[in-house]
Amino acid sequence: MNKTIRYLILILLILTFLTMPLTVPMFKSSTAYSMFNTGWDGVSGFARLAYHRGKTITPIFQSFDIAGVGDLDGVLLIIGPNVTFTAAEMEGIKLFLERGNTLFIADDFGTGNEILRALNVPVGISKDPLRDFFYDKDDRFVVSVRIEDPILARNVTEIITNEPSAIIVTGNGEAYASKVSMVNFHRRMFPLLTEVRYGKGRIVVLSDPDVLTNQLYGENEPFLRNLIDYLGGDRFYIDEAHHPDFNLYTTGTVTITRVLSRRTAIGLMLLIATMILLWEIGAFGITARLTSRLLARLFNENENVEEVALLLAEERGWDEKEIIEMLERMGG
């Protein structure tokens, strides 16, 4: 086949590859607190933010014992759970924590307390809502006015909640409601977020999963950025198995069409043509041989002037005898 035709085919294949449509998987759900839910009550924005901040996001669709949670490494996020945790699942969570990982529970009136009781830690989530005089739009959107941890407080003055609960049976917290907040007519400064150690790992509890939802994403984005850094780890495992009505109403793919601009296409073709021309005239081979010999000259002190001259004569097509005679006269 003619070289010109071969090179034209090569250019065509390269351009086809660069402009070939890209197909990516697409999943959607209407389940509250699902990472696949792009509606107001989903946490897709939070999951996307974690991904852009360098976290590998992995959903868990199976029960924890089947998924082998005890053998995983990273951060396990349980957001708004409403399905009972089995004894086998709890054993997996315990092993996960004992190996030095982080468990994050964001819950108000779901089944998060089942985990805390099974782990026998001095933390609980109130079954009664939190009331406070400090709120954003109306008294449902209670505002956390005090953030203790310096990482969580970075460039953040408040956390907006939506009908939150409160953390009870704990000695301290990382974020609080005001001093006049109240749960079931008991008034004090209730924590909204706290952390406890468990084995080599730690448990972080947030008493309102709505903080993570798309509805409040705009108000809470600075805090969510800090929360992602605070949780640490390289991989986030997001629990989807403990949402009772979990569904993926859309499962399929999205095709993304990639189009090169005229200017980019012309520039790319000129670059390919230049590389082909350099290849044809042997520029790459000459450069490689000269570089190799230069390096050999630099790192091999035993190579004499005559050898270098003969190599150069071979490269340039000169007469070797004349080169040797010239060197002898110069040496004499």
C-alpha atoms as a PDB file:
ATOM      1  CA  MET A   1       0.000   0.000   0.000  1.00  0.00           C
ATOM      2  CA  ASN A   2       1.223   3.499  -0.852  1.00  0.00           C
ATOM      3  CA  LYS A   3       2.777   5.330   2.126  1.00  0.00           C
ATOM      4  CA  THR A   4       0.618   8.388   1.553  1.00  0.00           C
ATOM      5  CA  ILE A   5      -2.537   6.306   1.762  1.00  0.00           C
ATOM      6  CA  ARG A   6      -1.326   4.592   4.926  1.00  0.00           C
ATOM      7  CA  TYR A   7      -0.609   7.918   6.589  1.00  0.00           C
ATOM      8  CA  LEU A   8      -3.988   9.333   5.552  1.00  0.00           C
ATOM      9  CA  ILE A   9      -5.687   6.296   7.072  1.00  0.00           C
ATOM     10  CA  LEU A  10      -3.668   6.786  10.271  1.00  0.00           C
ATOM     11  CA  ILE A  11      -4.710  10.446  10.529  1.00  0.00           C
ATOM     12  CA  LEU A  12      -8.339   9.504   9.914  1.00  0.00           C
ATOM     13  CA  LEU A  13      -8.244   6.846  12.638  1.00  0.00           C
ATOM     14  CA  ILE A  14      -6.727   9.270  15.150  1.00  0.00           C
ATOM     15  CA  LEU A  15      -9.334  11.938  14.443  1.00  0.00           C
ATOM     16  CA  THR A  16     -12.120   9.338  14.626  1.00  0.00           C
ATOM     17  CA  PHE A  17     -10.892   8.145  18.013  1.00  0.00           C
ATOM     18  CA  LEU A  18     -10.711  11.693  19.404  1.00  0.00           C
ATOM     19  CA  THR A  19     -14.229  12.557  18.229  1.00  0.00           C
ATOM     20  CA  MET A  20     -15.866   9.213  18.983  1.00  0.00           C
ATOM     21  CA  PRO A  21     -18.944   9.605  21.247  1.00  0.00           C
ATOM     22  CA  LEU A  22     -18.283   8.726  24.882  1.00  0.00           C
ATOM     23  CA  THR A  23     -20.833   6.496  26.608  1.00  0.00           C
ATOM     24  CA  VAL A  24     -21.116   6.699  30.406  1.00  0.00           C
ATOM     25  CA  PRO A  25     -23.456   4.838  32.797  1.00  0.00           C
ATOM     26  CA  MET A  26     -26.365   6.799  34.295  1.00  0.00           C
ATOM     27  CA  PHE A  27     -28.440   5.915  37.358  1.00  0.00           C
ATOM     28  CA  LYS A  28     -31.252   7.852  39.028  1.00  0.00           C
ATOM     29  CA  SER A  29     -33.372   7.221  42.108  1.00  0.00           C
ATOM     30  CA  SER A  30     -36.210   8.986  43.891  1.00  0.00           C
ATOM     31  CA  THR A  31     -35.255   7.529  47.287  1.00  0.00           C
ATOM     32  CA  ALA A  32     -34.660  10.057  50.063  1.00  0.00           C
ATOM     33  CA  TYR A  33     -30.994  10.427  51.063  1.00  0.00           C
ATOM     34  CA  SER A  34     -29.779   8.393  48.087  1.00  0.00           C
ATOM     35  CA  MET A  35     -26.617   9.453  46.274  1.00  0.00           C
ATOM     36  CA  PHE A  36     -28.490   8.726  43.001  1.00  0.00           C
ATOM     37  CA  ASN A  37     -31.344  11.094  43.870  1.00  0.00           C
ATOM     38  CA  THR A  38     -30.881  14.484  42.187  1.00  0.00           C
ATOM     39  CA  GLY A  39     -34.085  15.854  43.727  1.00  0.00           C
ATOM     40  CA  TRP A  40     -34.355  18.090  46.775  1.00  0.00           C
ATOM     41  CA  ASP A  41     -34.199  15.179  49.261  1.00  0.00           C
ATOM     42  CA  GLY A  42     -31.268  13.336  47.647  1.00  0.00           C
ATOM     43  CA  VAL A  43     -27.563  13.656  48.478  1.00  0.00           C
ATOM     44  CA  SER A  44     -26.199  13.572  44.927  1.00  0.00           C
ATOM     45  CA  GLY A  45     -24.636  17.021  45.378  1.00  0.00           C
ATOM     46  CA  PHE A  46     -22.726  15.886  48.457  1.00  0.00           C
ATOM     47  CA  ALA A  47     -21.515  12.714  46.686  1.00  0.00           C
ATOM     48  CA  ARG A  48     -20.413  14.755  43.668  1.00  0.00           C
ATOM     49  CA  LEU A  49     -18.573  17.216  45.924  1.00  0.00           C
ATOM     50  CA  ALA A  50     -16.750  14.351  47.665  1.00  0.00           C
ATOM     51  CA  TYR A  51     -15.737  12.957  44.275  1.00  0.00           C
ATOM     52  CA  HIS A  52     -14.374  16.322  43.136  1.00  0.00           C
ATOM     53  CA  ARG A  53     -12.399  16.542  46.375  1.00  0.00           C
ATOM     54  CA  GLY A  54     -10.542  13.361  45.478  1.00  0.00           C
ATOM     55  CA  LYS A  55     -12.666  10.677  47.142  1.00  0.00           C
ATOM     56  CA  THR A  56     -13.509   7.402  45.428  1.00  0.00           C
ATOM     57  CA  ILE A  57     -17.279   6.937  45.807  1.00  0.00           C
ATOM     58  CA  THR A  58     -18.628   3.389  46.128  1.00  0.00           C
ATOM     59  CA  PRO A  59     -22.325   2.667  46.822  1.00  0.00           C
ATOM     60  CA  ILE A  60     -23.271  -0.397  48.873  1.00  0.00           C
ATOM     61  CA  PHE A  61     -26.470  -2.056  47.637  1.00  0.00           C
ATOM     62  CA  GLN A  62     -26.274  -5.294  49.645  1.00  0.00           C
ATOM     63  CA  SER A  63     -26.505  -6.034  53.362  1.00  0.00           C
ATOM     64  CA  PHE A  64     -23.208  -5.309  55.057  1.00  0.00           C
ATOM     65  CA  ASP A  65     -22.355  -8.954  55.773  1.00  0.00           C
ATOM     66  CA  ILE A  66     -22.778  -9.897  52.102  1.00  0.00           C
ATOM     67  CA  ALA A  67     -20.870  -6.786  50.982  1.00  0.00           C
ATOM     68  CA  GLY A  68     -18.002  -7.705  53.325  1.00  0.00           C
ATOM     69  CA  VAL A  69     -17.918  -4.344  55.082  1.00  0.00           C
ATOM     70  CA  GLY A  70     -15.589  -5.717  57.748  1.00  0.00           C
ATOM     71  CA  ASP A  71     -12.835  -6.115  55.143  1.00  0.00           C
ATOM     72  CA  LEU A  72     -13.165  -2.641  53.642  1.00  0.00           C
ATOM     73  CA  ASP A  73     -10.956   0.387  54.289  1.00  0.00           C
ATOM     74  CA  GLY A  74     -12.115   3.995  54.218  1.00  0.00           C
ATOM     75  CA  VAL A  75     -15.218   5.832  55.454  1.00  0.00           C
ATOM     76  CA  LEU A  76     -18.635   4.147  55.715  1.00  0.00           C
ATOM     77  CA  LEU A  77     -21.443   6.708  55.369  1.00  0.00           C
ATOM     78  CA  ILE A  78     -24.911   5.728  56.616  1.00  0.00           C
ATOM     79  CA  ILE A  79     -27.300   8.572  55.751  1.00  0.00           C
ATOM     80  CA  GLY A  80     -30.954   8.522  56.841  1.00  0.00           C
ATOM     81  CA  PRO A  81     -31.251   4.739  57.454  1.00  0.00           C
ATOM     82  CA  ASN A  82     -34.719   3.257  57.924  1.00  0.00           C
ATOM     83  CA  VAL A  83     -34.059  -0.494  57.784  1.00  0.00           C
ATOM     84  CA  THR A  84     -33.042  -2.629  60.771  1.00  0.00           C
ATOM     85  CA  PHE A  85     -29.384  -3.666  61.020  1.00  0.00           C
ATOM     86  CA  THR A  86     -28.873  -7.392  61.547  1.00  0.00           C
ATOM     87  CA  ALA A  87     -26.458  -8.944  64.037  1.00  0.00           C
ATOM     88  CA  ALA A  88     -24.237 -10.070  61.155  1.00  0.00           C
ATOM     89  CA  GLU A  89     -24.141  -6.529  59.788  1.00  0.00           C
ATOM     90  CA  MET A  90     -23.198  -5.165  63.206  1.00  0.00           C
ATOM     91  CA  GLU A  91     -20.287  -7.601  63.420  1.00  0.00           C
ATOM     92  CA  GLY A  92     -19.061  -6.257  60.087  1.00  0.00           C
ATOM     93  CA  ILE A  93     -19.335  -2.664  61.320  1.00  0.00           C
ATOM     94  CA  LYS A  94     -17.427  -3.515  64.514  1.00  0.00           C
ATOM     95  CA  LEU A  95     -14.623  -5.139  62.539  1.00  0.00           C
ATOM     96  CA  PHE A  96     -14.577  -2.184  60.146  1.00  0.00           C
ATOM     97  CA  LEU A  97     -14.085   0.214  63.076  1.00  0.00           C
ATOM     98  CA  GLU A  98     -11.623  -1.945  65.005  1.00  0.00           C
ATOM     99  CA  ARG A  99      -9.348  -1.966  61.969  1.00  0.00           C
ATOM    100  CA  GLY A 100      -9.024   1.831  62.171  1.00  0.00           C
ATOM    101  CA  ASN A 101     -11.714   3.109  59.791  1.00  0.00           C
ATOM    102  CA  THR A 102     -14.379   5.822  60.179  1.00  0.00           C
ATOM    103  CA  LEU A 103     -18.146   5.333  60.489  1.00  0.00           C
ATOM    104  CA  PHE A 104     -20.325   8.368  59.726  1.00  0.00           C
ATOM    105  CA  ILE A 105     -23.986   8.227  60.776  1.00  0.00           C
ATOM    106  CA  ALA A 106     -26.321  11.060  59.699  1.00  0.00           C
ATOM    107  CA  ASP A 107     -29.775  10.348  61.136  1.00  0.00           C
ATOM    108  CA  ASP A 108     -32.611  11.890  63.102  1.00  0.00           C
ATOM    109  CA  PHE A 109     -35.610   9.592  63.481  1.00  0.00           C
ATOM    110  CA  GLY A 110     -34.439   6.469  61.639  1.00  0.00           C
ATOM    111  CA  THR A 111     -32.539   3.349  62.695  1.00  0.00           C
ATOM    112  CA  GLY A 112     -29.186   4.962  63.423  1.00  0.00           C
ATOM    113  CA  ASN A 113     -29.639   4.396  67.168  1.00  0.00           C
ATOM    114  CA  GLU A 114     -29.606   0.639  66.554  1.00  0.00           C
ATOM    115  CA  ILE A 115     -25.972   0.894  65.521  1.00  0.00           C
ATOM    116  CA  LEU A 116     -25.016   3.104  68.465  1.00  0.00           C
ATOM    117  CA  ARG A 117     -26.687   0.793  70.980  1.00  0.00           C
ATOM    118  CA  ALA A 118     -25.111  -2.324  69.470  1.00  0.00           C
ATOM    119  CA  LEU A 119     -21.689  -0.686  69.589  1.00  0.00           C
ATOM    120  CA  ASN A 120     -22.356   0.297  73.230  1.00  0.00           C
ATOM    121  CA  VAL A 121     -21.016   3.830  72.809  1.00  0.00           C
ATOM    122  CA  PRO A 122     -22.080   6.775  75.026  1.00  0.00           C
ATOM    123  CA  VAL A 123     -23.957   8.502  72.207  1.00  0.00           C
ATOM    124  CA  GLY A 124     -27.618   8.537  71.225  1.00  0.00           C
ATOM    125  CA  ILE A 125     -29.906  10.429  68.860  1.00  0.00           C
ATOM    126  CA  SER A 126     -33.069  11.891  70.370  1.00  0.00           C
ATOM    127  CA  LYS A 127     -36.382  10.580  69.065  1.00  0.00           C
ATOM    128  CA  ASP A 128     -37.872  14.010  69.723  1.00  0.00           C
ATOM    129  CA  PRO A 129     -37.186  17.018  67.459  1.00  0.00           C
ATOM    130  CA  LEU A 130     -34.924  19.877  68.448  1.00  0.00           C
ATOM    131  CA  ARG A 131     -36.439  23.339  68.861  1.00  0.00           C
ATOM    132  CA  ASP A 132     -34.520  26.593  68.975  1.00  0.00           C
ATOM    133  CA  PHE A 133     -35.001  30.345  68.711  1.00  0.00           C
ATOM    134  CA  PHE A 134     -32.194  30.536  66.145  1.00  0.00           C
ATOM    135  CA  TYR A 135     -33.424  29.472  62.738  1.00  0.00           C
ATOM    136  CA  ASP A 136     -33.052  30.446  59.077  1.00  0.00           C
ATOM    137  CA  LYS A 137     -36.419  30.733  57.267  1.00  0.00           C
ATOM    138  CA  ASP A 138     -38.808  29.342  59.815  1.00  0.00           C
ATOM    139  CA  ASP A 139     -38.477  27.330  63.022  1.00  0.00           C
ATOM    140  CA  ARG A 140     -37.971  24.077  61.106  1.00  0.00           C
ATOM    141  CA  PHE A 141     -34.586  25.253  59.798  1.00  0.00           C
ATOM    142  CA  VAL A 142     -32.624  25.371  63.046  1.00  0.00           C
ATOM    143  CA  VAL A 143     -29.178  26.958  62.768  1.00  0.00           C
ATOM    144  CA  SER A 144     -26.079  25.562  64.464  1.00  0.00           C
ATOM    145  CA  VAL A 145     -24.442  28.655  65.912  1.00  0.00           C
ATOM    146  CA  ARG A 146     -21.379  27.077  67.530  1.00  0.00           C
ATOM    147  CA  ILE A 147     -18.780  24.912  65.750  1.00  0.00           C
ATOM    148  CA  GLU A 148     -15.935  23.712  67.966  1.00  0.00           C
ATOM    149  CA  ASP A 149     -13.674  21.740  65.630  1.00  0.00           C
ATOM    150  CA  PRO A 150     -11.262  24.009  63.674  1.00  0.00           C
ATOM    151  CA  ILE A 151     -11.527  21.905  60.495  1.00  0.00           C
ATOM    152  CA  LEU A 152     -15.327  21.982  60.491  1.00  0.00           C
ATOM    153  CA  ALA A 153     -15.366  25.684  61.352  1.00  0.00           C
ATOM    154  CA  ARG A 154     -13.034  26.747  58.529  1.00  0.00           C
ATOM    155  CA  ASN A 155     -14.783  29.639  56.706  1.00  0.00           C
ATOM    156  CA  VAL A 156     -18.126  28.500  58.181  1.00  0.00           C
ATOM    157  CA  THR A 157     -20.272  30.528  60.569  1.00  0.00           C
ATOM    158  CA  GLU A 158     -23.404  28.341  60.647  1.00  0.00           C
ATOM    159  CA  ILE A 159     -24.937  25.021  59.630  1.00  0.00           C
ATOM    160  CA  ILE A 160     -28.530  25.013  58.362  1.00  0.00           C
ATOM    161  CA  THR A 161     -30.661  22.016  59.410  1.00  0.00           C
ATOM    162  CA  ASN A 162     -34.190  20.907  58.560  1.00  0.00           C
ATOM    163  CA  GLU A 163     -36.278  19.664  61.492  1.00  0.00           C
ATOM    164  CA  PRO A 164     -33.271  18.132  63.212  1.00  0.00           C
ATOM    165  CA  SER A 165     -32.974  15.875  66.190  1.00  0.00           C
ATOM    166  CA  ALA A 166     -30.228  16.286  68.792  1.00  0.00           C
ATOM    167  CA  ILE A 167     -27.399  14.161  70.118  1.00  0.00           C
ATOM    168  CA  ILE A 168     -27.891  13.000  73.697  1.00  0.00           C
ATOM    169  CA  VAL A 169     -25.939  10.912  76.198  1.00  0.00           C
ATOM    170  CA  THR A 170     -22.652  12.487  75.307  1.00  0.00           C
ATOM    171  CA  GLY A 171     -20.169  14.667  77.106  1.00  0.00           C
ATOM    172  CA  ASN A 172     -19.110  16.878  74.228  1.00  0.00           C
ATOM    173  CA  GLY A 173     -19.706  17.725  70.603  1.00  0.00           C
ATOM    174  CA  GLU A 174     -18.133  19.339  67.568  1.00  0.00           C
ATOM    175  CA  ALA A 175     -21.151  21.498  66.567  1.00  0.00           C
ATOM    176  CA  TYR A 176     -23.994  22.788  68.780  1.00  0.00           C
ATOM    177  CA  ALA A 177     -27.375  24.440  68.689  1.00  0.00           C
ATOM    178  CA  SER A 178     -27.790  27.509  70.913  1.00  0.00           C
ATOM    179  CA  LYS A 179     -27.982  27.547  74.715  1.00  0.00           C
ATOM    180  CA  VAL A 180     -31.743  27.996  74.548  1.00  0.00           C
ATOM    181  CA  SER A 181     -32.378  24.970  72.317  1.00  0.00           C
ATOM    182  CA  MET A 182     -34.869  22.459  73.666  1.00  0.00           C
ATOM    183  CA  VAL A 183     -35.736  18.758  73.272  1.00  0.00           C
ATOM    184  CA  ASN A 184     -38.950  17.492  74.892  1.00  0.00           C
ATOM    185  CA  PHE A 185     -39.026  20.542  77.208  1.00  0.00           C
ATOM    186  CA  HIS A 186     -35.418  19.982  78.320  1.00  0.00           C
ATOM    187  CA  ARG A 187     -33.426  23.137  77.620  1.00  0.00           C
ATOM    188  CA  ARG A 188     -29.647  23.215  77.140  1.00  0.00           C
ATOM    189  CA  MET A 189     -26.983  23.495  74.435  1.00  0.00           C
ATOM    190  CA  PHE A 190     -27.520  20.248  72.523  1.00  0.00           C
ATOM    191  CA  PRO A 191     -24.829  18.891  70.182  1.00  0.00           C
ATOM    192  CA  LEU A 192     -25.703  18.355  66.543  1.00  0.00           C
ATOM    193  CA  LEU A 193     -22.439  16.611  65.648  1.00  0.00           C
ATOM    194  CA  THR A 194     -20.086  14.586  67.799  1.00  0.00           C
ATOM    195  CA  GLU A 195     -17.264  12.051  67.531  1.00  0.00           C
ATOM    196  CA  VAL A 196     -16.300   9.056  69.666  1.00  0.00           C
ATOM    197  CA  ARG A 197     -13.462   6.569  69.402  1.00  0.00           C
ATOM    198  CA  TYR A 198     -14.089   2.881  68.845  1.00  0.00           C
ATOM    199  CA  GLY A 199     -11.129   0.533  68.800  1.00  0.00           C
ATOM    200  CA  LYS A 200      -8.635   1.993  66.371  1.00  0.00           C
ATOM    201  CA  GLY A 201     -11.428   3.748  64.486  1.00  0.00           C
ATOM    202  CA  ARG A 202     -13.920   6.500  65.162  1.00  0.00           C
ATOM    203  CA  ILE A 203     -17.650   7.176  64.906  1.00  0.00           C
ATOM    204  CA  VAL A 204     -18.938  10.560  63.726  1.00  0.00           C
ATOM    205  CA  VAL A 205     -22.633  11.240  64.362  1.00  0.00           C
ATOM    206  CA  LEU A 206     -24.716  14.035  62.794  1.00  0.00           C
ATOM    207  CA  SER A 207     -28.282  14.389  64.126  1.00  0.00           C
ATOM    208  CA  ASP A 208     -29.820  15.648  60.871  1.00  0.00           C
ATOM    209  CA  PRO A 209     -29.284  13.925  57.482  1.00  0.00           C
ATOM    210  CA  ASP A 210     -30.992  16.876  55.760  1.00  0.00           C
ATOM    211  CA  VAL A 211     -27.783  18.878  56.211  1.00  0.00           C
ATOM    212  CA  LEU A 212     -26.373  16.763  53.358  1.00  0.00           C
ATOM    213  CA  THR A 213     -29.359  17.037  51.006  1.00  0.00           C
ATOM    214  CA  ASN A 214     -29.588  18.936  47.745  1.00  0.00           C
ATOM    215  CA  GLN A 215     -32.234  21.210  49.296  1.00  0.00           C
ATOM    216  CA  LEU A 216     -29.678  22.743  51.673  1.00  0.00           C
ATOM    217  CA  TYR A 217     -26.584  22.195  49.527  1.00  0.00           C
ATOM    218  CA  GLY A 218     -26.239  25.858  48.575  1.00  0.00           C
ATOM    219  CA  GLU A 219     -26.323  27.041  52.195  1.00  0.00           C
ATOM    220  CA  ASN A 220     -24.177  24.228  53.580  1.00  0.00           C
ATOM    221  CA  GLU A 221     -21.584  23.700  50.834  1.00  0.00           C
ATOM    222  CA  PRO A 222     -18.689  25.297  52.795  1.00  0.00           C
ATOM    223  CA  PHE A 223     -19.490  23.078  55.771  1.00  0.00           C
ATOM    224  CA  LEU A 224     -19.827  19.986  53.553  1.00  0.00           C
ATOM    225  CA  ARG A 225     -16.381  20.666  52.089  1.00  0.00           C
ATOM    226  CA  ASN A 226     -14.972  20.791  55.603  1.00  0.00           C
ATOM    227  CA  LEU A 227     -16.912  17.678  56.630  1.00  0.00           C
ATOM    228  CA  ILE A 228     -15.389  15.693  53.747  1.00  0.00           C
ATOM    229  CA  ASP A 229     -11.902  16.732  54.861  1.00  0.00           C
ATOM    230  CA  TYR A 230     -12.793  16.020  58.499  1.00  0.00           C
ATOM    231  CA  LEU A 231     -13.921  12.468  57.709  1.00  0.00           C
ATOM    232  CA  GLY A 232     -10.665  11.770  55.886  1.00  0.00           C
ATOM    233  CA  GLY A 233     -10.011   8.515  54.042  1.00  0.00           C
ATOM    234  CA  ASP A 234      -9.544   7.940  50.330  1.00  0.00           C
ATOM    235  CA  ARG A 235     -12.737   5.997  49.666  1.00  0.00           C
ATOM    236  CA  PHE A 236     -16.325   6.771  50.702  1.00  0.00           C
ATOM    237  CA  TYR A 237     -18.705   3.792  50.938  1.00  0.00           C
ATOM    238  CA  ILE A 238     -22.265   5.168  50.838  1.00  0.00           C
ATOM    239  CA  ASP A 239     -24.975   2.892  52.242  1.00  0.00           C
ATOM    240  CA  GLU A 240     -27.955   2.445  49.912  1.00  0.00           C
ATOM    241  CA  ALA A 241     -29.082  -0.883  51.374  1.00  0.00           C
ATOM    242  CA  HIS A 242     -30.862   0.586  54.423  1.00  0.00           C
ATOM    243  CA  HIS A 243     -33.345   2.755  52.560  1.00  0.00           C
ATOM    244  CA  PRO A 244     -36.618   0.780  52.584  1.00  0.00           C
ATOM    245  CA  ASP A 245     -37.930   2.116  49.284  1.00  0.00           C
ATOM    246  CA  PHE A 246     -34.638   2.255  47.395  1.00  0.00           C
ATOM    247  CA  ASN A 247     -35.183   2.201  43.649  1.00  0.00           C
ATOM    248  CA  LEU A 248     -33.256   2.979  40.508  1.00  0.00           C
ATOM    249  CA  TYR A 249     -36.002   4.216  38.215  1.00  0.00           C
ATOM    250  CA  THR A 250     -33.477   5.028  35.493  1.00  0.00           C
ATOM    251  CA  THR A 251     -30.645   2.677  34.617  1.00  0.00           C
ATOM    252  CA  GLY A 252     -28.885   3.162  31.352  1.00  0.00           C
ATOM    253  CA  THR A 253     -26.220   5.159  29.604  1.00  0.00           C
ATOM    254  CA  VAL A 254     -25.697   8.698  28.401  1.00  0.00           C
ATOM    255  CA  THR A 255     -23.799   9.357  25.172  1.00  0.00           C
ATOM    256  CA  ILE A 256     -21.573  12.422  25.153  1.00  0.00           C
ATOM    257  CA  THR A 257     -20.680  13.715  21.697  1.00  0.00           C
ATOM    258  CA  ARG A 258     -17.186  15.138  21.414  1.00  0.00           C
ATOM    259  CA  VAL A 259     -16.545  17.677  18.648  1.00  0.00           C
ATOM    260  CA  LEU A 260     -13.168  19.170  17.731  1.00  0.00           C
ATOM    261  CA  SER A 261     -13.181  22.805  16.732  1.00  0.00           C
ATOM    262  CA  ARG A 262     -11.871  23.635  13.272  1.00  0.00           C
ATOM    263  CA  ARG A 263      -8.806  25.341  14.711  1.00  0.00           C
ATOM    264  CA  THR A 264      -7.991  22.361  16.952  1.00  0.00           C
ATOM    265  CA  ALA A 265      -8.499  19.860  14.121  1.00  0.00           C
ATOM    266  CA  ILE A 266      -6.175  21.803  11.771  1.00  0.00           C
ATOM    267  CA  GLY A 267      -3.531  22.131  14.474  1.00  0.00           C
ATOM    268  CA  LEU A 268      -3.738  18.419  15.249  1.00  0.00           C
ATOM    269  CA  MET A 269      -3.384  17.446  11.584  1.00  0.00           C
ATOM    270  CA  LEU A 270      -0.363  19.738  11.179  1.00  0.00           C
ATOM    271  CA  LEU A 271       1.247  18.187  14.250  1.00  0.00           C
ATOM    272  CA  ILE A 272       0.677  14.655  12.937  1.00  0.00           C
ATOM    273  CA  ALA A 273       1.966  15.614   9.475  1.00  0.00           C
ATOM    274  CA  THR A 274       5.117  17.152  10.996  1.00  0.00           C
ATOM    275  CA  MET A 275       5.788  14.022  13.032  1.00  0.00           C
ATOM    276  CA  ILE A 276       5.314  11.831   9.928  1.00  0.00           C
ATOM    277  CA  LEU A 277       7.727  14.029   7.941  1.00  0.00           C
ATOM    278  CA  LEU A 278      10.367  13.852  10.690  1.00  0.00           C
ATOM    279  CA  TRP A 279       9.950  10.103  10.804  1.00  0.00           C
ATOM    280  CA  GLU A 280      10.369   9.774   7.035  1.00  0.00           C
ATOM    281  CA  ILE A 281      13.612  11.787   6.932  1.00  0.00           C
ATOM    282  CA  GLY A 282      14.957   9.784   9.854  1.00  0.00           C
ATOM    283  CA  ALA A 283      15.159  12.685  12.267  1.00  0.00           C
ATOM    284  CA  PHE A 284      13.977  10.574  15.193  1.00  0.00           C
ATOM    285  CA  GLY A 285      16.600   7.892  14.497  1.00  0.00           C
ATOM    286  CA  ILE A 286      19.403  10.404  14.063  1.00  0.00           C
ATOM    287  CA  THR A 287      18.445  12.202  17.253  1.00  0.00           C
ATOM    288  CA  ALA A 288      18.272   8.933  19.178  1.00  0.00           C
ATOM    289  CA  ARG A 289      21.693   7.755  17.909  1.00  0.00           C
ATOM    290  CA  LEU A 290      23.378  11.097  18.564  1.00  0.00           C
ATOM    291  CA  THR A 291      21.876  11.272  22.048  1.00  0.00           C
ATOM    292  CA  SER A 292      22.977   7.707  22.774  1.00  0.00           C
ATOM    293  CA  ARG A 293      26.510   8.400  21.634  1.00  0.00           C
ATOM    294  CA  LEU A 294      26.671  11.682  23.514  1.00  0.00           C
ATOM    295  CA  LEU A 295      25.616   9.925  26.699  1.00  0.00           C
ATOM    296  CA  ALA A 296      28.114   7.173  26.037  1.00  0.00           C
ATOM    297  CA  ARG A 297      30.793   9.826  25.570  1.00  0.00           C
ATOM    298  CA  LEU A 298      29.832  11.574  28.807  1.00  0.00           C
ATOM    299  CA  PHE A 299      29.711   8.422  30.928  1.00  0.00           C
ATOM    300  CA  ASN A 300      32.468   6.381  29.242  1.00  0.00           C
ATOM    301  CA  GLU A 301      35.872   7.977  29.692  1.00  0.00           C
ATOM    302  CA  ASN A 302      37.644   5.154  27.808  1.00  0.00           C
ATOM    303  CA  GLU A 303      36.167   6.095  24.434  1.00  0.00           C
ATOM    304  CA  ASN A 304      38.914   7.942  22.447  1.00  0.00           C
ATOM    305  CA  VAL A 305      38.733  10.739  19.901  1.00  0.00           C
ATOM    306  CA  GLU A 306      39.362   8.376  16.982  1.00  0.00           C
ATOM    307  CA  GLU A 307      36.294   6.280  17.826  1.00  0.00           C
ATOM    308  CA  VAL A 308      34.100   9.362  18.050  1.00  0.00           C
ATOM    309  CA  ALA A 309      35.443  10.653  14.727  1.00  0.00           C
ATOM    310  CA  LEU A 310      34.810   7.330  13.003  1.00  0.00           C
ATOM    311  CA  LEU A 311      31.267   7.226  14.348  1.00  0.00           C
ATOM    312  CA  LEU A 312      30.677  10.738  13.083  1.00  0.00           C
ATOM    313  CA  ALA A 313      32.149   9.809   9.679  1.00  0.00           C
ATOM    314  CA  GLU A 314      29.804   6.848   9.455  1.00  0.00           C
ATOM    315  CA  GLU A 315      26.852   9.086  10.327  1.00  0.00           C
ATOM    316  CA  ARG A 316      27.754  11.768   7.780  1.00  0.00           C
ATOM    317  CA  GLY A 317      28.965   9.410   5.017  1.00  0.00           C
ATOM    318  CA  TRP A 318      32.577  10.648   5.048  1.00  0.00           C
ATOM    319  CA  ASP A 319      35.600   8.574   3.999  1.00  0.00           C
ATOM    320  CA  GLU A 320      36.985   6.842   7.094  1.00  0.00           C
ATOM    321  CA  LYS A 321      40.561   6.585   5.723  1.00  0.00           C
ATOM    322  CA  GLU A 322      40.694  10.333   5.143  1.00  0.00           C
ATOM    323  CA  ILE A 323      39.430  10.971   8.666  1.00  0.00           C
ATOM    324  CA  ILE A 324      42.100   8.677  10.153  1.00  0.00           C
ATOM    325  CA  GLU A 325      44.872  10.335   8.081  1.00  0.00           C
ATOM    326  CA  MET A 326      43.669  13.796   9.154  1.00  0.00           C
ATOM    327  CA  LEU A 327      43.720  12.735  12.822  1.00  0.00           C
ATOM    328  CA  GLU A 328      47.270  11.268  12.422  1.00  0.00           C
ATOM    329  CA  ARG A 329      48.535  14.539  10.896  1.00  0.00           C
ATOM    330  CA  MET A 330      46.901  16.521  13.696  1.00  0.00           C
ATOM    331  CA  GLY A 331      48.406  14.208  16.274  1.00  0.00           C
ATOM    332  CA  GLY A 332      51.850  14.398  14.708  1.00  0.00           C
END
